[in-house]
Amino acid sequence: MKLISINVALPRLATYRTQTVKTGIFKQSVAGSVELRTLNLDGDRQADLAVHGGPFKAVYGYPSEHYPFWAQELPGTQMPWGMFGENFTTQGLFETDLHIGDRLQVGSAVIVVRQPRIPCFKLAVKFKRDDILARFLRSGRSGFYFSVEKEGSVQAEDEFRFLSHEPDAISIAEMNRLFSADLYNRELIDKAVASSALPEDWKDYFRKRIPSPVVGD
């Protein structure tokens, strides 16, 4: 398990169809050691802090192993590392294996798995196609957001090392199912709500799907 590429960007204006937006999704790979801070990497910023960034979305990882799938899905599309807006292009980390609250060391930093990525319209701006949002959700290839437990230096080729596992917590793959395919799976809802490291807004979102008890006469 290792870090293949570190990708950062400052917000810039981008136009798609008739809309111009400010976005930090146009990440570019950078060489050398980069400082990972509590809220982001040095040289990286989010444009809309209402839905991006914050302590539970400090750094976004995306598996390099997903790129061949997308190359087949979207032939002719150039896909350098960072194409999906990820800060970390990873090798050996998968949605099925990562559980909310798992702790990993990379370089001298310690990070914690927090949530999957739910795409916004800026992914359509990046790819210049409206269907990418539905394709992305349907694929289950969401990638994963980390919080930063300990700040430190990271660079490409650094190894990921698990410091602790949370096998009873919901996995990223299970959250993807619960969000887009198996919306009212009570077992998964209960598992999500019981996952202590899952952000409270996610827990509230899933609690609303629990049916209210029927009051008898």
N, C-alpha and C. Protein backbone atom coordinates (compact mmCIF):
# COMPACT_ATOMS: atom_id res chain seq x y z
N MET A 1 0.85 -1.18 0.00
CA MET A 1 0.00 0.00 0.00
C MET A 1 0.90 1.24 0.00
N LYS A 2 0.71 2.06 -1.00
CA LYS A 2 1.56 3.25 -1.04
C LYS A 2 0.89 4.43 -1.73
N LEU A 3 1.50 5.57 -1.54
CA LEU A 3 1.04 6.83 -2.12
C LEU A 3 1.71 6.98 -3.48
N ILE A 4 0.91 6.99 -4.53
CA ILE A 4 1.43 7.07 -5.89
C ILE A 4 1.72 8.51 -6.32
N SER A 5 0.79 9.41 -5.96
CA SER A 5 0.94 10.80 -6.39
C SER A 5 0.26 11.71 -5.38
N ILE A 6 0.86 12.88 -5.14
CA ILE A 6 0.25 13.94 -4.34
C ILE A 6 -0.19 15.02 -5.31
N ASN A 7 -1.46 15.44 -5.19
CA ASN A 7 -2.04 16.37 -6.15
C ASN A 7 -2.69 17.54 -5.41
N VAL A 8 -2.38 18.74 -5.82
CA VAL A 8 -2.90 19.94 -5.15
C VAL A 8 -3.33 20.96 -6.19
N ALA A 9 -4.14 21.91 -5.73
CA ALA A 9 -4.53 23.03 -6.60
C ALA A 9 -5.12 24.14 -5.75
N LEU A 10 -4.95 25.36 -6.21
CA LEU A 10 -5.66 26.49 -5.63
C LEU A 10 -6.92 26.74 -6.45
N PRO A 11 -7.96 27.29 -5.86
CA PRO A 11 -9.20 27.53 -6.61
C PRO A 11 -8.97 28.40 -7.84
N ARG A 12 -9.70 28.08 -8.91
CA ARG A 12 -9.65 28.85 -10.15
C ARG A 12 -11.03 28.87 -10.76
N LEU A 13 -11.23 29.78 -11.70
CA LEU A 13 -12.50 29.85 -12.40
C LEU A 13 -12.50 28.86 -13.56
N ALA A 14 -13.64 28.20 -13.73
CA ALA A 14 -13.80 27.26 -14.85
C ALA A 14 -15.21 27.42 -15.40
N THR A 15 -15.33 27.28 -16.70
CA THR A 15 -16.63 27.44 -17.38
C THR A 15 -17.05 26.14 -18.01
N TYR A 16 -18.31 25.76 -17.78
CA TYR A 16 -18.91 24.61 -18.44
C TYR A 16 -20.32 24.99 -18.87
N ARG A 17 -20.59 24.80 -20.14
CA ARG A 17 -21.85 25.24 -20.73
C ARG A 17 -21.99 26.74 -20.48
N THR A 18 -23.01 27.17 -19.73
CA THR A 18 -23.21 28.61 -19.52
C THR A 18 -22.81 29.06 -18.12
N GLN A 19 -22.20 28.15 -17.36
CA GLN A 19 -21.93 28.45 -15.96
C GLN A 19 -20.43 28.58 -15.71
N THR A 20 -20.07 29.60 -14.96
CA THR A 20 -18.69 29.79 -14.51
C THR A 20 -18.64 29.61 -13.00
N VAL A 21 -17.75 28.74 -12.55
CA VAL A 21 -17.67 28.44 -11.13
C VAL A 21 -16.22 28.54 -10.67
N LYS A 22 -16.07 28.75 -9.38
CA LYS A 22 -14.74 28.72 -8.78
C LYS A 22 -14.55 27.36 -8.14
N THR A 23 -13.47 26.68 -8.47
CA THR A 23 -13.29 25.30 -8.02
C THR A 23 -11.81 24.98 -7.81
N GLY A 24 -11.56 24.08 -6.87
CA GLY A 24 -10.21 23.60 -6.63
C GLY A 24 -10.02 22.18 -7.13
N ILE A 25 -10.89 21.73 -8.05
CA ILE A 25 -10.85 20.33 -8.49
C ILE A 25 -9.74 20.04 -9.49
N PHE A 26 -9.14 21.08 -10.05
CA PHE A 26 -8.12 20.86 -11.09
C PHE A 26 -6.75 20.61 -10.45
N LYS A 27 -6.64 19.44 -9.81
CA LYS A 27 -5.41 19.10 -9.09
C LYS A 27 -4.29 18.75 -10.07
N GLN A 28 -3.07 19.05 -9.64
CA GLN A 28 -1.89 18.68 -10.41
C GLN A 28 -0.89 18.00 -9.50
N SER A 29 -0.22 16.99 -10.04
CA SER A 29 0.76 16.24 -9.28
C SER A 29 1.96 17.12 -8.95
N VAL A 30 2.44 16.98 -7.71
CA VAL A 30 3.61 17.74 -7.29
C VAL A 30 4.68 16.78 -6.77
N ALA A 31 5.93 17.16 -6.95
CA ALA A 31 7.05 16.33 -6.52
C ALA A 31 7.55 16.78 -5.16
N GLY A 32 8.27 15.88 -4.50
CA GLY A 32 8.92 16.22 -3.25
C GLY A 32 8.02 16.11 -2.04
N SER A 33 8.55 16.53 -0.92
CA SER A 33 7.83 16.44 0.35
C SER A 33 6.83 17.58 0.47
N VAL A 34 5.63 17.24 0.95
CA VAL A 34 4.56 18.22 1.13
C VAL A 34 4.04 18.09 2.56
N GLU A 35 3.76 19.22 3.19
CA GLU A 35 3.23 19.19 4.56
C GLU A 35 1.72 18.97 4.53
N LEU A 36 1.28 17.97 5.29
CA LEU A 36 -0.14 17.70 5.45
C LEU A 36 -0.60 18.35 6.75
N ARG A 37 -1.50 19.31 6.64
CA ARG A 37 -1.98 20.05 7.80
C ARG A 37 -3.35 19.51 8.23
N THR A 38 -3.90 20.10 9.28
CA THR A 38 -5.18 19.64 9.81
C THR A 38 -6.31 19.76 8.80
N LEU A 39 -6.25 20.80 7.94
CA LEU A 39 -7.35 21.05 7.01
C LEU A 39 -7.01 20.78 5.56
N ASN A 40 -5.75 20.66 5.20
CA ASN A 40 -5.40 20.38 3.80
C ASN A 40 -3.88 20.25 3.67
N LEU A 41 -3.47 19.95 2.47
CA LEU A 41 -2.05 19.93 2.13
C LEU A 41 -1.57 21.34 1.80
N ASP A 42 -0.31 21.61 2.05
CA ASP A 42 0.25 22.87 1.60
C ASP A 42 0.09 22.98 0.09
N GLY A 43 -0.38 24.14 -0.36
CA GLY A 43 -0.57 24.35 -1.80
C GLY A 43 -1.93 23.93 -2.29
N ASP A 44 -2.80 23.47 -1.38
CA ASP A 44 -4.13 23.03 -1.78
C ASP A 44 -5.19 23.80 -1.01
N ARG A 45 -6.25 24.18 -1.69
CA ARG A 45 -7.37 24.86 -1.03
C ARG A 45 -8.68 24.42 -1.68
N GLN A 46 -9.77 24.55 -0.92
CA GLN A 46 -11.09 24.27 -1.44
C GLN A 46 -11.80 25.59 -1.71
N ALA A 47 -12.63 25.61 -2.75
CA ALA A 47 -13.30 26.86 -3.13
C ALA A 47 -14.55 27.10 -2.31
N ASP A 48 -15.39 26.09 -2.14
CA ASP A 48 -16.67 26.23 -1.45
C ASP A 48 -16.61 25.47 -0.14
N LEU A 49 -16.31 26.16 0.94
CA LEU A 49 -16.12 25.50 2.23
C LEU A 49 -17.43 25.04 2.86
N ALA A 50 -18.56 25.39 2.25
CA ALA A 50 -19.84 24.91 2.76
C ALA A 50 -20.00 23.42 2.50
N VAL A 51 -19.41 22.92 1.43
CA VAL A 51 -19.57 21.50 1.08
C VAL A 51 -18.24 20.78 0.91
N HIS A 52 -17.14 21.51 0.85
CA HIS A 52 -15.83 20.89 0.66
C HIS A 52 -14.91 21.27 1.82
N GLY A 53 -13.92 20.46 2.04
CA GLY A 53 -12.94 20.77 3.05
C GLY A 53 -13.47 20.56 4.46
N GLY A 54 -12.79 21.14 5.43
CA GLY A 54 -13.13 20.94 6.82
C GLY A 54 -12.35 19.76 7.40
N PRO A 55 -12.41 19.57 8.70
CA PRO A 55 -11.59 18.53 9.34
C PRO A 55 -11.91 17.11 8.91
N PHE A 56 -13.15 16.85 8.48
CA PHE A 56 -13.51 15.49 8.08
C PHE A 56 -13.34 15.24 6.59
N LYS A 57 -12.90 16.27 5.87
CA LYS A 57 -12.60 16.14 4.45
C LYS A 57 -11.27 16.83 4.16
N ALA A 58 -10.31 16.60 5.03
CA ALA A 58 -9.04 17.31 4.91
C ALA A 58 -8.24 16.86 3.71
N VAL A 59 -8.31 15.58 3.39
CA VAL A 59 -7.54 15.04 2.26
C VAL A 59 -8.35 13.92 1.63
N TYR A 60 -8.39 13.93 0.30
CA TYR A 60 -9.19 12.98 -0.47
C TYR A 60 -8.29 11.99 -1.18
N GLY A 61 -8.54 10.70 -0.96
CA GLY A 61 -7.76 9.66 -1.62
C GLY A 61 -8.57 8.94 -2.68
N TYR A 62 -7.91 8.57 -3.77
CA TYR A 62 -8.59 7.84 -4.84
C TYR A 62 -7.65 6.75 -5.36
N PRO A 63 -8.16 5.51 -5.47
CA PRO A 63 -7.29 4.40 -5.89
C PRO A 63 -6.82 4.51 -7.34
N SER A 64 -5.54 4.35 -7.54
CA SER A 64 -5.00 4.31 -8.91
C SER A 64 -5.59 3.14 -9.68
N GLU A 65 -6.00 2.10 -8.96
CA GLU A 65 -6.56 0.91 -9.61
C GLU A 65 -7.90 1.18 -10.30
N HIS A 66 -8.56 2.30 -9.97
CA HIS A 66 -9.83 2.64 -10.63
C HIS A 66 -9.62 3.29 -12.00
N TYR A 67 -8.44 3.79 -12.25
CA TYR A 67 -8.21 4.52 -13.50
C TYR A 67 -8.42 3.67 -14.76
N PRO A 68 -7.99 2.41 -14.81
CA PRO A 68 -8.26 1.60 -16.00
C PRO A 68 -9.75 1.43 -16.28
N PHE A 69 -10.55 1.31 -15.21
CA PHE A 69 -12.01 1.22 -15.38
C PHE A 69 -12.54 2.45 -16.09
N TRP A 70 -12.11 3.62 -15.63
CA TRP A 70 -12.60 4.85 -16.22
C TRP A 70 -12.06 5.07 -17.63
N ALA A 71 -10.87 4.58 -17.89
CA ALA A 71 -10.33 4.69 -19.26
C ALA A 71 -11.20 3.90 -20.23
N GLN A 72 -11.76 2.77 -19.77
CA GLN A 72 -12.66 1.99 -20.62
C GLN A 72 -14.03 2.66 -20.72
N GLU A 73 -14.49 3.22 -19.61
CA GLU A 73 -15.80 3.87 -19.59
C GLU A 73 -15.82 5.15 -20.43
N LEU A 74 -14.71 5.86 -20.43
CA LEU A 74 -14.64 7.17 -21.07
C LEU A 74 -13.47 7.21 -22.05
N PRO A 75 -13.54 6.42 -23.13
CA PRO A 75 -12.40 6.36 -24.06
C PRO A 75 -12.08 7.72 -24.65
N GLY A 76 -10.79 7.98 -24.76
CA GLY A 76 -10.34 9.25 -25.33
C GLY A 76 -10.15 10.35 -24.31
N THR A 77 -10.58 10.12 -23.05
CA THR A 77 -10.41 11.13 -22.02
C THR A 77 -9.02 11.03 -21.40
N GLN A 78 -8.30 12.12 -21.39
CA GLN A 78 -6.99 12.13 -20.74
C GLN A 78 -7.16 12.08 -19.23
N MET A 79 -6.41 11.19 -18.60
CA MET A 79 -6.59 10.99 -17.16
C MET A 79 -5.26 10.97 -16.42
N PRO A 80 -4.66 12.12 -16.23
CA PRO A 80 -3.47 12.18 -15.36
C PRO A 80 -3.89 11.97 -13.92
N TRP A 81 -2.93 11.61 -13.06
CA TRP A 81 -3.24 11.50 -11.64
C TRP A 81 -3.84 12.80 -11.13
N GLY A 82 -4.84 12.69 -10.29
CA GLY A 82 -5.54 13.86 -9.78
C GLY A 82 -6.78 14.21 -10.59
N MET A 83 -7.10 13.42 -11.61
CA MET A 83 -8.22 13.72 -12.49
C MET A 83 -9.55 13.77 -11.73
N PHE A 84 -9.66 12.99 -10.66
CA PHE A 84 -10.92 12.96 -9.92
C PHE A 84 -10.93 13.95 -8.75
N GLY A 85 -9.94 14.83 -8.75
CA GLY A 85 -9.86 15.83 -7.71
C GLY A 85 -9.23 15.33 -6.43
N GLU A 86 -8.58 14.15 -6.53
CA GLU A 86 -7.99 13.57 -5.32
C GLU A 86 -6.65 14.22 -4.98
N ASN A 87 -6.40 14.31 -3.69
CA ASN A 87 -5.10 14.76 -3.19
C ASN A 87 -4.09 13.63 -3.19
N PHE A 88 -4.56 12.44 -2.80
CA PHE A 88 -3.71 11.25 -2.76
C PHE A 88 -4.20 10.26 -3.81
N THR A 89 -3.38 9.97 -4.80
CA THR A 89 -3.64 8.82 -5.67
C THR A 89 -2.94 7.64 -5.01
N THR A 90 -3.71 6.61 -4.68
CA THR A 90 -3.22 5.54 -3.82
C THR A 90 -3.07 4.23 -4.56
N GLN A 91 -2.34 3.32 -3.96
CA GLN A 91 -2.22 1.96 -4.46
C GLN A 91 -2.44 1.01 -3.28
N GLY A 92 -3.37 0.06 -3.45
CA GLY A 92 -3.59 -0.95 -2.43
C GLY A 92 -4.62 -0.61 -1.38
N LEU A 93 -5.29 0.54 -1.50
CA LEU A 93 -6.37 0.90 -0.59
C LEU A 93 -7.68 0.88 -1.37
N PHE A 94 -8.68 0.19 -0.83
CA PHE A 94 -9.94 0.04 -1.55
C PHE A 94 -11.14 0.33 -0.64
N GLU A 95 -12.24 0.74 -1.25
CA GLU A 95 -13.46 1.05 -0.52
C GLU A 95 -13.97 -0.13 0.30
N THR A 96 -13.78 -1.33 -0.21
CA THR A 96 -14.26 -2.52 0.49
C THR A 96 -13.47 -2.81 1.76
N ASP A 97 -12.23 -2.34 1.82
CA ASP A 97 -11.33 -2.67 2.93
C ASP A 97 -11.24 -1.59 4.00
N LEU A 98 -11.64 -0.37 3.66
CA LEU A 98 -11.49 0.73 4.60
C LEU A 98 -12.78 0.95 5.38
N HIS A 99 -12.67 0.95 6.71
CA HIS A 99 -13.81 1.18 7.59
C HIS A 99 -13.67 2.54 8.25
N ILE A 100 -14.81 3.15 8.52
CA ILE A 100 -14.81 4.46 9.17
C ILE A 100 -14.07 4.35 10.51
N GLY A 101 -13.09 5.20 10.69
CA GLY A 101 -12.31 5.19 11.92
C GLY A 101 -10.98 4.47 11.82
N ASP A 102 -10.74 3.74 10.72
CA ASP A 102 -9.42 3.12 10.53
C ASP A 102 -8.36 4.21 10.53
N ARG A 103 -7.25 3.94 11.19
CA ARG A 103 -6.16 4.91 11.30
C ARG A 103 -4.95 4.38 10.54
N LEU A 104 -4.34 5.27 9.74
CA LEU A 104 -3.18 4.90 8.96
C LEU A 104 -2.08 5.94 9.12
N GLN A 105 -0.86 5.48 9.00
CA GLN A 105 0.28 6.40 8.92
C GLN A 105 0.76 6.43 7.49
N VAL A 106 1.07 7.63 7.01
CA VAL A 106 1.71 7.81 5.71
C VAL A 106 2.73 8.92 5.90
N GLY A 107 3.97 8.67 5.53
CA GLY A 107 5.04 9.60 5.86
C GLY A 107 5.09 9.76 7.37
N SER A 108 5.15 10.98 7.83
CA SER A 108 5.14 11.22 9.28
C SER A 108 3.76 11.64 9.78
N ALA A 109 2.75 11.58 8.91
CA ALA A 109 1.39 11.99 9.27
C ALA A 109 0.54 10.78 9.64
N VAL A 110 -0.50 11.02 10.44
CA VAL A 110 -1.48 10.00 10.79
C VAL A 110 -2.84 10.50 10.32
N ILE A 111 -3.56 9.66 9.56
CA ILE A 111 -4.85 10.03 8.99
C ILE A 111 -5.91 9.01 9.41
N VAL A 112 -7.18 9.44 9.36
CA VAL A 112 -8.30 8.61 9.80
C VAL A 112 -9.36 8.59 8.71
N VAL A 113 -9.84 7.40 8.36
CA VAL A 113 -10.90 7.25 7.35
C VAL A 113 -12.19 7.83 7.91
N ARG A 114 -12.85 8.71 7.15
CA ARG A 114 -14.04 9.39 7.66
C ARG A 114 -15.31 9.20 6.83
N GLN A 115 -15.20 9.20 5.51
CA GLN A 115 -16.42 9.15 4.69
C GLN A 115 -16.07 8.97 3.23
N PRO A 116 -17.05 8.51 2.42
CA PRO A 116 -16.83 8.44 0.97
C PRO A 116 -16.99 9.82 0.34
N ARG A 117 -16.62 9.91 -0.90
CA ARG A 117 -16.82 11.16 -1.64
C ARG A 117 -18.15 11.06 -2.39
N ILE A 118 -19.00 12.04 -2.18
CA ILE A 118 -20.25 12.18 -2.93
C ILE A 118 -20.02 13.31 -3.92
N PRO A 119 -20.06 13.04 -5.22
CA PRO A 119 -19.65 14.06 -6.19
C PRO A 119 -20.65 15.20 -6.31
N CYS A 120 -20.14 16.40 -6.54
CA CYS A 120 -20.99 17.53 -6.85
C CYS A 120 -20.81 17.87 -8.34
N PHE A 121 -21.52 18.89 -8.79
CA PHE A 121 -21.53 19.22 -10.22
C PHE A 121 -20.16 19.63 -10.74
N LYS A 122 -19.22 19.94 -9.84
CA LYS A 122 -17.90 20.36 -10.30
C LYS A 122 -17.14 19.21 -10.95
N LEU A 123 -17.54 17.97 -10.65
CA LEU A 123 -16.95 16.85 -11.38
C LEU A 123 -17.37 16.89 -12.84
N ALA A 124 -18.61 17.32 -13.10
CA ALA A 124 -19.08 17.49 -14.48
C ALA A 124 -18.32 18.61 -15.16
N VAL A 125 -18.00 19.66 -14.40
CA VAL A 125 -17.19 20.76 -14.95
C VAL A 125 -15.82 20.24 -15.36
N LYS A 126 -15.24 19.40 -14.52
CA LYS A 126 -13.90 18.86 -14.79
C LYS A 126 -13.91 17.98 -16.03
N PHE A 127 -14.89 17.08 -16.10
CA PHE A 127 -14.94 16.13 -17.21
C PHE A 127 -15.67 16.66 -18.43
N LYS A 128 -16.36 17.78 -18.24
CA LYS A 128 -17.16 18.39 -19.31
C LYS A 128 -18.19 17.41 -19.87
N ARG A 129 -18.89 16.74 -18.97
CA ARG A 129 -19.97 15.84 -19.36
C ARG A 129 -20.92 15.69 -18.17
N ASP A 130 -22.23 15.79 -18.46
CA ASP A 130 -23.23 15.76 -17.40
C ASP A 130 -23.42 14.37 -16.80
N ASP A 131 -23.13 13.33 -17.56
CA ASP A 131 -23.43 11.98 -17.07
C ASP A 131 -22.40 11.44 -16.09
N ILE A 132 -21.31 12.17 -15.84
CA ILE A 132 -20.24 11.64 -14.99
C ILE A 132 -20.71 11.48 -13.54
N LEU A 133 -21.63 12.32 -13.07
CA LEU A 133 -22.08 12.20 -11.68
C LEU A 133 -22.81 10.89 -11.45
N ALA A 134 -23.76 10.55 -12.34
CA ALA A 134 -24.48 9.29 -12.20
C ALA A 134 -23.56 8.10 -12.39
N ARG A 135 -22.66 8.19 -13.34
CA ARG A 135 -21.69 7.11 -13.57
C ARG A 135 -20.82 6.89 -12.34
N PHE A 136 -20.38 7.99 -11.77
CA PHE A 136 -19.49 7.92 -10.60
C PHE A 136 -20.20 7.24 -9.44
N LEU A 137 -21.42 7.66 -9.15
CA LEU A 137 -22.17 7.06 -8.05
C LEU A 137 -22.47 5.59 -8.31
N ARG A 138 -22.88 5.30 -9.53
CA ARG A 138 -23.25 3.92 -9.88
C ARG A 138 -22.04 2.98 -9.81
N SER A 139 -20.86 3.50 -10.06
CA SER A 139 -19.67 2.66 -10.10
C SER A 139 -19.26 2.14 -8.73
N GLY A 140 -19.61 2.87 -7.66
CA GLY A 140 -19.15 2.51 -6.33
C GLY A 140 -17.69 2.87 -6.10
N ARG A 141 -17.06 3.47 -7.07
CA ARG A 141 -15.64 3.85 -6.97
C ARG A 141 -15.54 5.29 -6.48
N SER A 142 -15.84 5.46 -5.21
CA SER A 142 -16.00 6.79 -4.64
C SER A 142 -14.70 7.41 -4.15
N GLY A 143 -13.72 6.57 -3.82
CA GLY A 143 -12.59 7.09 -3.08
C GLY A 143 -13.00 7.36 -1.64
N PHE A 144 -12.16 8.05 -0.88
CA PHE A 144 -12.39 8.18 0.56
C PHE A 144 -11.74 9.44 1.10
N TYR A 145 -12.44 10.07 2.03
CA TYR A 145 -11.92 11.24 2.72
C TYR A 145 -11.28 10.83 4.04
N PHE A 146 -10.20 11.53 4.37
CA PHE A 146 -9.51 11.33 5.64
C PHE A 146 -9.51 12.62 6.45
N SER A 147 -9.53 12.47 7.76
CA SER A 147 -9.16 13.58 8.64
C SER A 147 -7.69 13.40 9.02
N VAL A 148 -7.10 14.44 9.54
CA VAL A 148 -5.69 14.40 9.92
C VAL A 148 -5.58 14.37 11.43
N GLU A 149 -5.14 13.26 11.96
CA GLU A 149 -4.95 13.13 13.41
C GLU A 149 -3.62 13.74 13.84
N LYS A 150 -2.62 13.56 13.01
CA LYS A 150 -1.29 14.11 13.30
C LYS A 150 -0.72 14.72 12.02
N GLU A 151 -0.39 15.98 12.06
CA GLU A 151 0.20 16.63 10.91
C GLU A 151 1.60 16.06 10.65
N GLY A 152 2.02 16.13 9.38
CA GLY A 152 3.34 15.62 9.05
C GLY A 152 3.67 15.81 7.59
N SER A 153 4.82 15.32 7.18
CA SER A 153 5.29 15.43 5.80
C SER A 153 4.97 14.14 5.04
N VAL A 154 4.53 14.29 3.79
CA VAL A 154 4.24 13.15 2.94
C VAL A 154 4.86 13.38 1.58
N GLN A 155 5.16 12.31 0.87
CA GLN A 155 5.64 12.41 -0.50
C GLN A 155 5.30 11.13 -1.25
N ALA A 156 5.30 11.22 -2.56
CA ALA A 156 5.02 10.06 -3.40
C ALA A 156 5.99 8.93 -3.06
N GLU A 157 5.48 7.72 -3.10
CA GLU A 157 6.19 6.48 -2.77
C GLU A 157 6.20 6.18 -1.28
N ASP A 158 5.65 7.08 -0.45
CA ASP A 158 5.48 6.74 0.96
C ASP A 158 4.52 5.56 1.09
N GLU A 159 4.78 4.71 2.07
CA GLU A 159 3.92 3.56 2.34
C GLU A 159 2.79 3.96 3.29
N PHE A 160 1.62 3.37 3.07
CA PHE A 160 0.53 3.46 4.04
C PHE A 160 0.68 2.29 5.01
N ARG A 161 0.51 2.56 6.28
CA ARG A 161 0.58 1.51 7.28
C ARG A 161 -0.58 1.67 8.25
N PHE A 162 -1.36 0.59 8.41
CA PHE A 162 -2.48 0.64 9.34
C PHE A 162 -1.95 0.69 10.78
N LEU A 163 -2.47 1.64 11.54
CA LEU A 163 -2.16 1.72 12.96
C LEU A 163 -3.25 1.06 13.80
N SER A 164 -4.49 1.13 13.32
CA SER A 164 -5.60 0.47 13.99
C SER A 164 -6.74 0.27 13.00
N HIS A 165 -7.54 -0.76 13.26
CA HIS A 165 -8.68 -1.10 12.41
C HIS A 165 -9.97 -0.96 13.22
N GLU A 166 -11.05 -0.66 12.52
CA GLU A 166 -12.38 -0.62 13.12
C GLU A 166 -13.30 -1.57 12.35
N PRO A 167 -13.09 -2.89 12.50
CA PRO A 167 -13.81 -3.86 11.67
C PRO A 167 -15.32 -3.87 11.88
N ASP A 168 -15.79 -3.38 13.03
CA ASP A 168 -17.23 -3.36 13.29
C ASP A 168 -17.91 -2.11 12.73
N ALA A 169 -17.12 -1.12 12.34
CA ALA A 169 -17.68 0.10 11.76
C ALA A 169 -18.06 -0.14 10.31
N ILE A 170 -18.90 0.73 9.79
CA ILE A 170 -19.33 0.59 8.40
C ILE A 170 -18.15 0.89 7.47
N SER A 171 -18.07 0.17 6.37
CA SER A 171 -17.00 0.39 5.39
C SER A 171 -17.41 1.47 4.40
N ILE A 172 -16.44 1.98 3.68
CA ILE A 172 -16.73 2.96 2.63
C ILE A 172 -17.65 2.35 1.58
N ALA A 173 -17.40 1.10 1.19
CA ALA A 173 -18.24 0.43 0.18
C ALA A 173 -19.67 0.29 0.68
N GLU A 174 -19.83 -0.05 1.95
CA GLU A 174 -21.19 -0.19 2.50
C GLU A 174 -21.90 1.16 2.55
N MET A 175 -21.17 2.22 2.84
CA MET A 175 -21.78 3.55 2.81
C MET A 175 -22.22 3.92 1.41
N ASN A 176 -21.43 3.55 0.41
CA ASN A 176 -21.83 3.81 -0.97
C ASN A 176 -23.13 3.09 -1.31
N ARG A 177 -23.25 1.84 -0.87
CA ARG A 177 -24.49 1.08 -1.08
C ARG A 177 -25.66 1.78 -0.43
N LEU A 178 -25.46 2.19 0.81
CA LEU A 178 -26.53 2.80 1.58
C LEU A 178 -26.94 4.15 1.01
N PHE A 179 -26.01 4.84 0.40
CA PHE A 179 -26.32 6.16 -0.16
C PHE A 179 -27.06 6.08 -1.48
N SER A 180 -26.69 5.10 -2.33
CA SER A 180 -27.20 5.15 -3.70
C SER A 180 -27.96 3.92 -4.17
N ALA A 181 -27.87 2.79 -3.49
CA ALA A 181 -28.48 1.57 -4.03
C ALA A 181 -29.39 0.86 -3.04
N ASP A 182 -29.03 0.85 -1.77
CA ASP A 182 -29.75 0.07 -0.77
C ASP A 182 -30.16 1.01 0.36
N LEU A 183 -30.99 1.99 0.01
CA LEU A 183 -31.22 3.16 0.85
C LEU A 183 -31.80 2.87 2.23
N TYR A 184 -32.61 1.82 2.34
CA TYR A 184 -33.32 1.58 3.60
C TYR A 184 -32.90 0.28 4.26
N ASN A 185 -31.67 -0.15 4.00
CA ASN A 185 -31.14 -1.35 4.63
C ASN A 185 -30.91 -1.05 6.12
N ARG A 186 -31.80 -1.57 6.96
CA ARG A 186 -31.77 -1.22 8.38
C ARG A 186 -30.47 -1.68 9.05
N GLU A 187 -29.97 -2.84 8.64
CA GLU A 187 -28.73 -3.33 9.23
C GLU A 187 -27.57 -2.36 8.96
N LEU A 188 -27.49 -1.88 7.72
CA LEU A 188 -26.42 -0.94 7.39
C LEU A 188 -26.64 0.43 8.04
N ILE A 189 -27.90 0.85 8.12
CA ILE A 189 -28.18 2.12 8.79
C ILE A 189 -27.72 2.07 10.24
N ASP A 190 -28.08 0.99 10.93
CA ASP A 190 -27.68 0.85 12.33
C ASP A 190 -26.15 0.79 12.46
N LYS A 191 -25.52 0.13 11.51
CA LYS A 191 -24.06 0.02 11.53
C LYS A 191 -23.42 1.39 11.33
N ALA A 192 -23.99 2.18 10.43
CA ALA A 192 -23.46 3.52 10.19
C ALA A 192 -23.61 4.40 11.43
N VAL A 193 -24.80 4.40 12.00
CA VAL A 193 -25.06 5.26 13.16
C VAL A 193 -24.20 4.86 14.35
N ALA A 194 -23.86 3.57 14.45
CA ALA A 194 -23.04 3.09 15.55
C ALA A 194 -21.54 3.31 15.32
N SER A 195 -21.16 3.77 14.14
CA SER A 195 -19.74 3.99 13.83
C SER A 195 -19.30 5.31 14.45
N SER A 196 -18.54 5.24 15.51
CA SER A 196 -18.25 6.43 16.32
C SER A 196 -17.50 7.51 15.55
N ALA A 197 -16.68 7.13 14.57
CA ALA A 197 -15.87 8.12 13.85
C ALA A 197 -16.59 8.73 12.65
N LEU A 198 -17.83 8.27 12.39
CA LEU A 198 -18.59 8.85 11.28
C LEU A 198 -19.08 10.24 11.68
N PRO A 199 -18.88 11.26 10.84
CA PRO A 199 -19.34 12.60 11.18
C PRO A 199 -20.83 12.64 11.49
N GLU A 200 -21.22 13.52 12.41
CA GLU A 200 -22.60 13.57 12.88
C GLU A 200 -23.59 13.91 11.79
N ASP A 201 -23.20 14.70 10.79
CA ASP A 201 -24.16 15.02 9.74
C ASP A 201 -24.54 13.78 8.94
N TRP A 202 -23.59 12.86 8.76
CA TRP A 202 -23.92 11.59 8.12
C TRP A 202 -24.85 10.76 8.99
N LYS A 203 -24.59 10.71 10.29
CA LYS A 203 -25.46 9.94 11.19
C LYS A 203 -26.88 10.50 11.16
N ASP A 204 -27.01 11.81 11.20
CA ASP A 204 -28.34 12.43 11.14
C ASP A 204 -29.04 12.10 9.84
N TYR A 205 -28.28 12.12 8.75
CA TYR A 205 -28.83 11.80 7.44
C TYR A 205 -29.40 10.38 7.42
N PHE A 206 -28.68 9.43 7.99
CA PHE A 206 -29.14 8.05 7.99
C PHE A 206 -30.25 7.82 9.01
N ARG A 207 -30.23 8.51 10.14
CA ARG A 207 -31.28 8.35 11.14
C ARG A 207 -32.66 8.69 10.57
N LYS A 208 -32.70 9.64 9.66
CA LYS A 208 -33.98 10.04 9.06
C LYS A 208 -34.62 8.92 8.25
N ARG A 209 -33.83 7.90 7.92
CA ARG A 209 -34.38 6.77 7.16
C ARG A 209 -34.94 5.67 8.05
N ILE A 210 -34.78 5.82 9.37
CA ILE A 210 -35.30 4.81 10.29
C ILE A 210 -36.78 5.08 10.48
N PRO A 211 -37.65 4.11 10.20
CA PRO A 211 -39.09 4.34 10.34
C PRO A 211 -39.46 4.66 11.78
N SER A 212 -40.40 5.59 11.94
CA SER A 212 -40.90 5.91 13.27
C SER A 212 -41.72 4.75 13.80
N PRO A 213 -41.64 4.46 15.10
CA PRO A 213 -42.44 3.36 15.64
C PRO A 213 -43.92 3.64 15.52
N VAL A 214 -44.68 2.60 15.25
CA VAL A 214 -46.14 2.73 15.14
C VAL A 214 -46.74 2.75 16.54
N VAL A 215 -47.48 3.78 16.81
CA VAL A 215 -48.12 3.91 18.12
C VAL A 215 -49.46 3.19 18.09
N GLY A 216 -49.64 2.27 19.00
CA GLY A 216 -50.89 1.52 19.04
C GLY A 216 -52.06 2.33 19.58
N ASP A 217 -53.22 1.81 19.39
CA ASP A 217 -54.44 2.49 19.91
C ASP A 217 -54.40 2.50 21.43
